[in-house]
Protein backbone atom coordinates (compact mmCIF):
# COMPACT_ATOMS: atom_id res chain seq x y z
CA MET A 1 98.11 64.51 221.53
CA SER A 2 95.13 64.89 219.29
CA VAL A 3 91.82 63.15 218.89
CA THR A 4 89.45 63.02 215.93
CA THR A 5 85.81 62.07 215.70
CA THR A 6 84.33 60.53 212.59
CA THR A 7 80.83 59.45 211.71
CA HIS A 8 80.87 55.66 211.32
CA LEU A 9 77.89 54.45 209.26
CA ASN A 10 76.48 50.95 209.57
CA PHE A 11 74.90 48.95 206.76
CA ARG A 12 73.83 45.41 205.98
CA GLY A 13 75.56 44.60 202.71
CA ASP A 14 75.53 48.13 201.26
CA ALA A 15 78.64 49.67 202.82
CA ARG A 16 80.81 49.47 199.69
CA ALA A 17 78.09 50.98 197.48
CA ALA A 18 77.49 53.75 200.03
CA LEU A 19 81.20 54.56 200.34
CA GLU A 20 81.60 54.61 196.55
CA PHE A 21 78.62 56.96 196.32
CA TYR A 22 80.02 59.31 199.00
CA GLN A 23 83.38 59.28 197.21
CA SER A 24 81.62 60.29 193.97
CA VAL A 25 80.02 63.21 195.81
CA PHE A 26 82.90 64.45 197.97
CA GLY A 27 85.97 63.06 196.19
CA GLY A 28 88.89 61.72 198.17
CA ASP A 29 90.36 58.30 198.70
CA LEU A 30 88.35 55.14 199.26
CA ALA A 31 89.79 52.38 201.45
CA VAL A 32 88.00 49.08 202.09
CA VAL A 33 88.92 46.01 204.15
CA THR A 34 86.58 43.05 203.74
CA TYR A 35 85.90 40.40 206.37
CA GLU A 36 87.92 38.04 204.17
CA ASP A 37 90.85 40.49 203.98
CA ALA A 38 90.89 40.68 207.79
CA GLY A 39 90.56 36.92 208.31
CA ALA A 40 87.31 37.51 210.22
CA VAL A 41 84.74 35.64 208.12
CA GLN A 42 81.88 34.34 210.27
CA GLU A 43 79.46 33.58 207.42
CA GLU A 44 80.90 32.62 204.02
CA SER A 45 78.25 34.74 202.25
CA GLU A 46 79.63 37.84 204.04
CA ALA A 47 83.32 37.30 203.16
CA GLY A 48 83.34 40.12 200.59
CA GLN A 49 81.41 42.57 202.73
CA VAL A 50 83.07 45.57 204.35
CA MET A 51 84.55 45.06 207.83
CA TRP A 52 86.04 48.56 207.72
CA GLY A 53 85.95 51.22 205.07
CA GLN A 54 86.35 54.94 204.71
CA VAL A 55 86.32 57.89 202.37
CA LEU A 56 88.81 60.59 203.28
CA ALA A 57 88.95 63.77 201.21
CA ALA A 58 91.55 66.53 201.35
CA GLY A 59 88.79 69.10 201.91
CA GLY A 60 87.99 67.59 205.31
CA PHE A 61 85.20 65.12 204.49
CA HIS A 62 85.69 61.84 206.36
CA VAL A 63 83.22 59.02 206.83
CA MET A 64 83.74 55.41 207.89
CA ALA A 65 81.40 52.47 207.28
CA TYR A 66 80.96 48.75 207.70
CA ASP A 67 78.51 45.93 207.00
CA VAL A 68 76.93 44.68 210.21
CA PRO A 69 77.35 40.88 210.24
CA ALA A 70 74.24 38.69 210.27
CA SER A 71 75.15 37.56 213.81
CA LEU A 72 74.26 41.07 215.08
CA GLY A 73 70.90 42.77 214.95
CA TYR A 74 70.37 45.46 212.36
CA GLN A 75 67.46 47.42 210.93
CA GLN A 76 68.10 50.15 208.39
CA GLY A 77 67.90 53.52 210.10
CA GLU A 78 68.17 51.99 213.60
CA ASN A 79 71.68 51.95 215.06
CA SER A 80 72.75 53.34 211.70
CA PHE A 81 75.89 55.05 212.96
CA PHE A 82 78.66 55.02 215.56
CA VAL A 83 80.77 57.94 216.71
CA SER A 84 84.38 56.92 216.19
CA VAL A 85 86.97 58.53 218.48
CA ARG A 86 90.54 57.90 217.38
CA GLY A 87 93.49 58.97 219.49
CA GLU A 88 97.25 58.71 219.28
CA THR A 89 97.97 56.74 222.48
CA VAL A 90 96.38 54.00 224.57
CA GLU A 91 96.64 56.30 227.60
CA GLU A 92 94.65 59.04 225.85
CA ILE A 93 91.89 56.68 224.66
CA THR A 94 91.72 54.95 228.06
CA GLY A 95 91.04 58.32 229.71
CA TYR A 96 88.09 59.00 227.40
CA TRP A 97 86.89 55.40 227.77
CA GLU A 98 86.83 55.59 231.57
CA LYS A 99 84.69 58.73 231.48
CA LEU A 100 82.33 57.47 228.75
CA THR A 101 81.68 54.14 230.50
CA LYS A 102 79.88 55.79 233.43
CA GLY A 103 76.26 54.73 233.00
CA SER A 104 77.08 52.97 229.72
CA ALA A 105 76.77 49.41 228.47
CA VAL A 106 80.10 48.04 227.26
CA VAL A 107 79.67 46.22 223.95
CA VAL A 108 83.36 45.37 223.38
CA PRO A 109 85.75 45.93 226.31
CA LEU A 110 88.66 48.26 225.63
CA GLY A 111 91.76 46.22 224.80
CA PRO A 112 94.27 45.32 222.12
CA ALA A 113 92.91 44.42 218.68
CA GLY A 114 94.50 43.07 215.52
CA TRP A 115 94.30 46.49 213.87
CA ALA A 116 94.92 48.81 216.85
CA ALA A 117 96.83 48.95 220.13
CA ALA A 118 93.44 49.55 221.78
CA TYR A 119 89.83 49.24 220.63
CA GLY A 120 86.51 49.29 222.47
CA MET A 121 82.81 49.90 221.87
CA LEU A 122 80.07 51.08 224.23
CA ARG A 123 76.51 52.39 224.18
CA ASP A 124 76.22 55.43 226.43
CA ARG A 125 73.26 56.25 228.65
CA PHE A 126 71.77 58.31 225.80
CA GLY A 127 71.82 55.37 223.36
CA VAL A 128 74.78 56.61 221.31
CA VAL A 129 77.30 53.94 220.31
CA TRP A 130 80.93 55.03 220.64
CA VAL A 131 83.90 53.23 219.10
CA LEU A 132 87.28 54.24 220.55
CA ASP A 133 90.64 53.19 219.18
CA VAL A 134 94.26 54.17 218.75
CA VAL A 135 95.58 55.27 215.36
CA SER A 136 97.39 52.31 213.82
CA GLY A 137 101.11 52.41 214.48
CA HIS A 138 100.75 54.27 217.79
CA SER A 139 100.80 52.88 221.32
CA ALA A 140 100.99 54.04 224.93
């Protein structure tokens, strides 16, 4: 088993531009899924915004990003990142989840998601938001 952590940056409408900029700096591959692509449009004006995106470079640079929907609070520089923990199995991620939830506020309960066998989000007692999921194509 292995686990990776990735900085997950949060924007309000600027995620694509930020990811394109980081790709121009660090190189690598850019991947973007819009809210429309994922069938998760809540506000028509946000359909083309980034629900999930990343730049992954061979040299080790990896950053993820998304556009916070208007239905959630957002101020630039406040809650500007998540720590993403991605594991290979539901069992592995559940173990980390159970430990991280002590003293934390669960934002999205850990469970199956359309893009992962398990996904959950919490804010720990220090104010850090953690997103845990299972690498696509893996399960328990």
